[in-house]
PDB file of N, CA and C in Angstrom:
ATOM      1  N   MET A   1       1.207  -1.145   0.278  1.00  0.00           N
ATOM      2  CA  MET A   1       0.032   0.209  -0.363  1.00  0.00           C
ATOM      3  C   MET A   1       0.843   1.407  -0.218  1.00  0.00           C
ATOM      4  N   PRO A   2       0.598   2.111  -0.621  1.00  0.00           N
ATOM      5  CA  PRO A   2       1.995   3.355  -1.562  1.00  0.00           C
ATOM      6  C   PRO A   2       1.393   4.375   0.174  1.00  0.00           C
ATOM      7  N   PHE A   3       0.433   4.223   0.004  1.00  0.00           N
ATOM      8  CA  PHE A   3       0.002   5.194   1.272  1.00  0.00           C
ATOM      9  C   PHE A   3       0.210   5.334   2.381  1.00  0.00           C
ATOM     10  N   LEU A   4       0.780   4.091   3.705  1.00  0.00           N
ATOM     11  CA  LEU A   4       1.385   3.395   4.576  1.00  0.00           C
ATOM     12  C   LEU A   4       2.842   3.527   3.834  1.00  0.00           C
ATOM     13  N   ASN A   5       3.105   4.377   3.300  1.00  0.00           N
ATOM     14  CA  ASN A   5       4.253   4.723   3.400  1.00  0.00           C
ATOM     15  C   ASN A   5       5.375   5.637   4.676  1.00  0.00           C
ATOM     16  N   SER A   6       5.110   5.871   5.199  1.00  0.00           N
ATOM     17  CA  SER A   6       5.407   7.359   6.545  1.00  0.00           C
ATOM     18  C   SER A   6       4.739   7.097   7.527  1.00  0.00           C
ATOM     19  N   LEU A   7       5.782   6.993   8.156  1.00  0.00           N
ATOM     20  CA  LEU A   7       5.552   6.591   9.679  1.00  0.00           C
ATOM     21  C   LEU A   7       4.355   7.353  10.568  1.00  0.00           C
ATOM     22  N   GLU A   8       4.118   8.301  10.537  1.00  0.00           N
ATOM     23  CA  GLU A   8       3.161   9.387  10.267  1.00  0.00           C
ATOM     24  C   GLU A   8       1.424   8.604  10.117  1.00  0.00           C
ATOM     25  N   HIS A   9       2.035   8.079   8.366  1.00  0.00           N
ATOM     26  CA  HIS A   9       0.300   7.414   7.772  1.00  0.00           C
ATOM     27  C   HIS A   9      -0.129   6.671   8.881  1.00  0.00           C
ATOM     28  N   LEU A  10       1.844   5.767   9.427  1.00  0.00           N
ATOM     29  CA  LEU A  10       1.301   4.206  10.573  1.00  0.00           C
ATOM     30  C   LEU A  10       0.594   5.225  11.813  1.00  0.00           C
ATOM     31  N   SER A  11       0.590   5.509  12.224  1.00  0.00           N
ATOM     32  CA  SER A  11       0.825   5.979  13.686  1.00  0.00           C
ATOM     33  C   SER A  11      -0.947   6.362  13.746  1.00  0.00           C
ATOM     34  N   GLY A  12      -1.290   7.313  12.020  1.00  0.00           N
ATOM     35  CA  GLY A  12      -2.266   7.281  12.799  1.00  0.00           C
ATOM     36  C   GLY A  12      -3.651   6.494  12.222  1.00  0.00           C
ATOM     37  N   LEU A  13      -2.976   5.232  11.588  1.00  0.00           N
ATOM     38  CA  LEU A  13      -3.769   3.802  11.173  1.00  0.00           C
ATOM     39  C   LEU A  13      -3.230   3.617  12.575  1.00  0.00           C
ATOM     40  N   THR A  14      -2.667   3.301  13.106  1.00  0.00           N
ATOM     41  CA  THR A  14      -2.624   2.611  14.446  1.00  0.00           C
ATOM     42  C   THR A  14      -3.690   3.253  16.089  1.00  0.00           C
ATOM     43  N   LEU A  15      -3.488   4.290  15.573  1.00  0.00           N
ATOM     44  CA  LEU A  15      -4.877   4.792  16.687  1.00  0.00           C
ATOM     45  C   LEU A  15      -5.757   4.508  16.331  1.00  0.00           C
ATOM     46  N   THR A  16      -6.553   5.100  14.828  1.00  0.00           N
ATOM     47  CA  THR A  16      -7.257   4.810  14.910  1.00  0.00           C
ATOM     48  C   THR A  16      -8.120   3.531  15.206  1.00  0.00           C
ATOM     49  N   SER A  17      -7.406   2.352  14.394  1.00  0.00           N
ATOM     50  CA  SER A  17      -7.707   0.932  15.596  1.00  0.00           C
ATOM     51  C   SER A  17      -7.215   1.194  16.521  1.00  0.00           C
ATOM     52  N   MET A  18      -6.585   1.454  17.325  1.00  0.00           N
ATOM     53  CA  MET A  18      -7.431   1.342  18.608  1.00  0.00           C
ATOM     54  C   MET A  18      -8.538   2.138  18.906  1.00  0.00           C
ATOM     55  N   ILE A  19      -9.050   2.960  18.699  1.00  0.00           N
ATOM     56  CA  ILE A  19      -9.994   3.362  18.918  1.00  0.00           C
ATOM     57  C   ILE A  19     -10.862   2.920  18.764  1.00  0.00           C
ATOM     58  N   TYR A  20     -11.133   2.557  17.751  1.00  0.00           N
ATOM     59  CA  TYR A  20     -11.903   2.020  17.204  1.00  0.00           C
ATOM     60  C   TYR A  20     -12.329   0.293  17.999  1.00  0.00           C
ATOM     61  N   LEU A  21     -10.783   0.009  18.643  1.00  0.00           N
ATOM     62  CA  LEU A  21     -10.809  -1.039  19.157  1.00  0.00           C
ATOM     63  C   LEU A  21     -11.494  -1.401  20.431  1.00  0.00           C
ATOM     64  N   ALA A  22     -11.928  -0.303  21.415  1.00  0.00           N
ATOM     65  CA  ALA A  22     -11.658  -0.206  21.987  1.00  0.00           C
ATOM     66  C   ALA A  22     -12.715   1.563  22.741  1.00  0.00           C
ATOM     67  N   LEU A  23     -13.919   1.406  21.206  1.00  0.00           N
ATOM     68  CA  LEU A  23     -14.435   2.204  21.355  1.00  0.00           C
ATOM     69  C   LEU A  23     -15.639   1.723  23.147  1.00  0.00           C
ATOM     70  N   LYS A  24     -16.332   0.223  22.933  1.00  0.00           N
ATOM     71  CA  LYS A  24     -17.171   0.354  23.580  1.00  0.00           C
ATOM     72  C   LYS A  24     -16.784   0.028  24.830  1.00  0.00           C
ATOM     73  N   PHE A  25     -15.390   0.128  25.719  1.00  0.00           N
ATOM     74  CA  PHE A  25     -15.500  -0.074  27.349  1.00  0.00           C
ATOM     75  C   PHE A  25     -14.509   0.866  27.617  1.00  0.00           C
ATOM     76  N   SER A  26     -13.941   2.243  26.523  1.00  0.00           N
ATOM     77  CA  SER A  26     -13.695   3.013  26.851  1.00  0.00           C
ATOM     78  C   SER A  26     -13.774   4.146  26.084  1.00  0.00           C
ATOM     79  N   GLY A  27     -14.936   4.474  25.526  1.00  0.00           N
ATOM     80  CA  GLY A  27     -15.204   5.348  24.816  1.00  0.00           C
ATOM     81  C   GLY A  27     -14.512   5.716  23.102  1.00  0.00           C
ATOM     82  N   GLY A  28     -13.242   4.857  23.355  1.00  0.00           N
ATOM     83  CA  GLY A  28     -11.784   5.350  22.798  1.00  0.00           C
ATOM     84  C   GLY A  28     -11.231   6.161  23.018  1.00  0.00           C
ATOM     85  N   MET A  29     -10.833   7.040  24.061  1.00  0.00           N
ATOM     86  CA  MET A  29     -10.046   7.951  24.783  1.00  0.00           C
ATOM     87  C   MET A  29      -9.305   7.697  25.170  1.00  0.00           C
ATOM     88  N   PHE A  30      -8.825   8.053  24.519  1.00  0.00           N
ATOM     89  CA  PHE A  30      -7.383   7.145  24.477  1.00  0.00           C
ATOM     90  C   PHE A  30      -5.713   9.327  26.176  1.00  0.00           C
ATOM     91  N   ASN A  31      -6.872  10.227  25.265  1.00  0.00           N
ATOM     92  CA  ASN A  31      -6.016  10.874  25.982  1.00  0.00           C
ATOM     93  C   ASN A  31      -6.802  11.928  26.924  1.00  0.00           C
ATOM     94  N   PRO A  32      -6.161  12.940  27.204  1.00  0.00           N
ATOM     95  CA  PRO A  32      -7.211  14.253  28.402  1.00  0.00           C
ATOM     96  C   PRO A  32      -7.740  15.242  27.661  1.00  0.00           C
ATOM     97  N   ALA A  33      -7.031  15.723  25.785  1.00  0.00           N
ATOM     98  CA  ALA A  33      -7.814  16.186  25.208  1.00  0.00           C
ATOM     99  C   ALA A  33      -9.619  15.574  25.550  1.00  0.00           C
ATOM    100  N   VAL A  34      -9.589  14.331  24.842  1.00  0.00           N
ATOM    101  CA  VAL A  34     -10.418  14.156  24.491  1.00  0.00           C
ATOM    102  C   VAL A  34     -11.864  13.585  25.119  1.00  0.00           C
ATOM    103  N   SER A  35     -11.071  13.305  26.337  1.00  0.00           N
ATOM    104  CA  SER A  35     -11.896  13.321  27.988  1.00  0.00           C
ATOM    105  C   SER A  35     -13.002  14.580  28.532  1.00  0.00           C
ATOM    106  N   PHE A  36     -11.931  15.698  28.057  1.00  0.00           N
ATOM    107  CA  PHE A  36     -12.213  16.732  28.107  1.00  0.00           C
ATOM    108  C   PHE A  36     -12.884  17.403  27.341  1.00  0.00           C
ATOM    109  N   ALA A  37     -13.303  16.934  26.373  1.00  0.00           N
ATOM    110  CA  ALA A  37     -14.144  17.391  25.337  1.00  0.00           C
ATOM    111  C   ALA A  37     -15.463  16.638  25.176  1.00  0.00           C
ATOM    112  N   MET A  38     -15.356  14.930  25.751  1.00  0.00           N
ATOM    113  CA  MET A  38     -16.535  14.380  26.227  1.00  0.00           C
ATOM    114  C   MET A  38     -16.646  15.105  27.550  1.00  0.00           C
ATOM    115  N   LEU A  39     -16.497  15.503  28.217  1.00  0.00           N
ATOM    116  CA  LEU A  39     -17.204  16.516  29.551  1.00  0.00           C
ATOM    117  C   LEU A  39     -17.914  18.205  29.170  1.00  0.00           C
ATOM    118  N   LEU A  40     -17.023  18.154  28.375  1.00  0.00           N
ATOM    119  CA  LEU A  40     -17.593  19.571  27.669  1.00  0.00           C
ATOM    120  C   LEU A  40     -19.304  19.553  26.624  1.00  0.00           C
ATOM    121  N   ASN A  41     -18.979  18.556  26.740  1.00  0.00           N
ATOM    122  CA  ASN A  41     -19.626  18.092  26.292  1.00  0.00           C
ATOM    123  C   ASN A  41     -21.383  17.159  26.689  1.00  0.00           C
ATOM    124  N   LYS A  42     -20.601  16.732  27.551  1.00  0.00           N
ATOM    125  CA  LYS A  42     -21.828  16.118  28.661  1.00  0.00           C
ATOM    126  C   LYS A  42     -22.021  14.473  28.400  1.00  0.00           C
ATOM    127  N   LYS A  43     -21.028  13.682  27.929  1.00  0.00           N
ATOM    128  CA  LYS A  43     -20.965  12.548  27.638  1.00  0.00           C
ATOM    129  C   LYS A  43     -19.925  11.575  28.938  1.00  0.00           C
ATOM    130  N   ILE A  44     -19.451  12.700  29.565  1.00  0.00           N
ATOM    131  CA  ILE A  44     -19.331  11.968  30.620  1.00  0.00           C
ATOM    132  C   ILE A  44     -19.317  12.076  31.612  1.00  0.00           C
ATOM    133  N   ASN A  45     -19.133  12.530  33.226  1.00  0.00           N
ATOM    134  CA  ASN A  45     -19.468  13.394  34.139  1.00  0.00           C
ATOM    135  C   ASN A  45     -17.997  13.509  34.595  1.00  0.00           C
ATOM    136  N   THR A  46     -17.407  14.576  35.162  1.00  0.00           N
ATOM    137  CA  THR A  46     -17.000  15.609  36.305  1.00  0.00           C
ATOM    138  C   THR A  46     -15.827  13.759  37.068  1.00  0.00           C
ATOM    139  N   THR A  47     -16.180  12.841  37.745  1.00  0.00           N
ATOM    140  CA  THR A  47     -16.299  11.806  37.992  1.00  0.00           C
ATOM    141  C   THR A  47     -14.743  10.477  37.260  1.00  0.00           C
ATOM    142  N   THR A  48     -15.481  10.882  36.699  1.00  0.00           N
ATOM    143  CA  THR A  48     -15.382   9.703  35.238  1.00  0.00           C
ATOM    144  C   THR A  48     -13.970  10.434  34.452  1.00  0.00           C
ATOM    145  N   PHE A  49     -14.564  11.413  34.227  1.00  0.00           N
ATOM    146  CA  PHE A  49     -13.144  11.968  33.399  1.00  0.00           C
ATOM    147  C   PHE A  49     -12.040  12.696  33.719  1.00  0.00           C
ATOM    148  N   ILE A  50     -12.148  12.737  35.465  1.00  0.00           N
ATOM    149  CA  ILE A  50     -10.379  12.164  36.166  1.00  0.00           C
ATOM    150  C   ILE A  50     -10.110  11.024  36.537  1.00  0.00           C
ATOM    151  N   THR A  51     -11.558  10.193  36.476  1.00  0.00           N
ATOM    152  CA  THR A  51     -10.218   8.719  36.655  1.00  0.00           C
ATOM    153  C   THR A  51      -9.507   8.324  35.194  1.00  0.00           C
ATOM    154  N   TYR A  52     -10.378   9.139  34.411  1.00  0.00           N
ATOM    155  CA  TYR A  52      -9.620   8.411  32.699  1.00  0.00           C
ATOM    156  C   TYR A  52      -8.874   9.540  32.708  1.00  0.00           C
ATOM    157  N   CYS A  53      -8.582  10.104  33.162  1.00  0.00           N
ATOM    158  CA  CYS A  53      -6.729  11.568  32.981  1.00  0.00           C
ATOM    159  C   CYS A  53      -6.312  11.112  33.645  1.00  0.00           C
ATOM    160  N   ILE A  54      -6.504  10.192  34.632  1.00  0.00           N
ATOM    161  CA  ILE A  54      -5.117  10.394  35.874  1.00  0.00           C
ATOM    162  C   ILE A  54      -4.157   8.699  35.417  1.00  0.00           C
ATOM    163  N   SER A  55      -5.196   7.714  34.705  1.00  0.00           N
ATOM    164  CA  SER A  55      -5.087   6.108  33.864  1.00  0.00           C
ATOM    165  C   SER A  55      -4.411   6.720  33.185  1.00  0.00           C
ATOM    166  N   GLN A  56      -4.650   8.237  32.166  1.00  0.00           N
ATOM    167  CA  GLN A  56      -4.196   8.333  30.627  1.00  0.00           C
ATOM    168  C   GLN A  56      -2.555   8.849  30.842  1.00  0.00           C
ATOM    169  N   LEU A  57      -2.374   9.222  32.675  1.00  0.00           N
ATOM    170  CA  LEU A  57      -1.914   9.795  32.261  1.00  0.00           C
ATOM    171  C   LEU A  57      -0.368   8.876  33.214  1.00  0.00           C
ATOM    172  N   LEU A  58      -1.380   8.102  33.517  1.00  0.00           N
ATOM    173  CA  LEU A  58      -0.436   6.874  34.503  1.00  0.00           C
ATOM    174  C   LEU A  58      -0.303   6.070  32.835  1.00  0.00           C
ATOM    175  N   ALA A  59      -1.218   5.348  32.101  1.00  0.00           N
ATOM    176  CA  ALA A  59      -0.358   5.024  31.340  1.00  0.00           C
ATOM    177  C   ALA A  59       0.491   5.370  30.255  1.00  0.00           C
ATOM    178  N   ALA A  60       0.936   6.591  30.407  1.00  0.00           N
ATOM    179  CA  ALA A  60       1.556   7.839  29.416  1.00  0.00           C
ATOM    180  C   ALA A  60       2.834   7.797  30.233  1.00  0.00           C
ATOM    181  N   GLY A  61       2.919   7.190  31.135  1.00  0.00           N
ATOM    182  CA  GLY A  61       4.614   7.506  31.849  1.00  0.00           C
ATOM    183  C   GLY A  61       5.086   5.862  31.922  1.00  0.00           C
ATOM    184  N   SER A  62       3.978   5.196  32.038  1.00  0.00           N
ATOM    185  CA  SER A  62       4.189   4.246  32.013  1.00  0.00           C
ATOM    186  C   SER A  62       5.325   3.471  30.683  1.00  0.00           C
ATOM    187  N   ALA A  63       4.339   4.211  29.051  1.00  0.00           N
ATOM    188  CA  ALA A  63       5.165   3.502  28.561  1.00  0.00           C
ATOM    189  C   ALA A  63       6.966   4.749  27.697  1.00  0.00           C
ATOM    190  N   PHE A  64       6.488   5.674  28.200  1.00  0.00           N
ATOM    191  CA  PHE A  64       8.068   6.610  28.766  1.00  0.00           C
ATOM    192  C   PHE A  64       8.843   5.657  28.923  1.00  0.00           C
ATOM    193  N   LEU A  65       8.349   5.903  29.887  1.00  0.00           N
ATOM    194  CA  LEU A  65       9.236   4.773  31.003  1.00  0.00           C
ATOM    195  C   LEU A  65      10.168   3.394  30.554  1.00  0.00           C
ATOM    196  N   LEU A  66       9.173   2.309  29.512  1.00  0.00           N
ATOM    197  CA  LEU A  66       9.812   1.282  28.691  1.00  0.00           C
ATOM    198  C   LEU A  66      10.081   1.488  27.544  1.00  0.00           C
ATOM    199  N   PHE A  67      10.055   2.426  27.855  1.00  0.00           N
ATOM    200  CA  PHE A  67      11.068   2.644  26.333  1.00  0.00           C
ATOM    201  C   PHE A  67      11.990   2.658  26.549  1.00  0.00           C
ATOM    202  N   LYS A  68      11.601   4.437  27.551  1.00  0.00           N
ATOM    203  CA  LYS A  68      13.812   4.328  27.872  1.00  0.00           C
ATOM    204  C   LYS A  68      14.575   2.777  28.796  1.00  0.00           C
ATOM    205  N   THR A  69      13.911   2.526  28.969  1.00  0.00           N
ATOM    206  CA  THR A  69      14.225   1.269  29.473  1.00  0.00           C
ATOM    207  C   THR A  69      14.510   0.289  28.442  1.00  0.00           C
ATOM    208  N   THR A  70      13.809   0.169  27.171  1.00  0.00           N
ATOM    209  CA  THR A  70      14.335  -0.985  26.390  1.00  0.00           C
ATOM    210  C   THR A  70      14.394  -0.563  24.830  1.00  0.00           C
ATOM    211  N   THR A  71      14.594   1.048  24.545  1.00  0.00           N
ATOM    212  CA  THR A  71      16.054   1.455  23.451  1.00  0.00           C
ATOM    213  C   THR A  71      17.351   2.521  24.102  1.00  0.00           C
ATOM    214  N   LYS A  72      18.079   2.687  22.805  1.00  0.00           N
ATOM    215  CA  LYS A  72      19.330   3.178  23.710  1.00  0.00           C
ATOM    216  C   LYS A  72      19.009   4.749  23.071  1.00  0.00           C
ATOM    217  N   ALA A  73      16.937   5.315  22.966  1.00  0.00           N
ATOM    218  CA  ALA A  73      17.122   6.344  22.655  1.00  0.00           C
ATOM    219  C   ALA A  73      17.759   7.634  23.627  1.00  0.00           C
TER     220      ALA A  73
END
């Protein structure tokens, strides 16, 4: 597939796939900006928003630490 020749396209496709797969149980919210938009649209309540944000930030920190310990970058 010629359109999948860059990291940006692959990253976008991966995120789209992840959102689609997680849509039923988390609403596909993978970062606090999306959660905040859902809060503003009254799709989630404040408690859920705070819980999601804490989970998302912990997941991001864990991913960063895993990346730093497994690569030479």
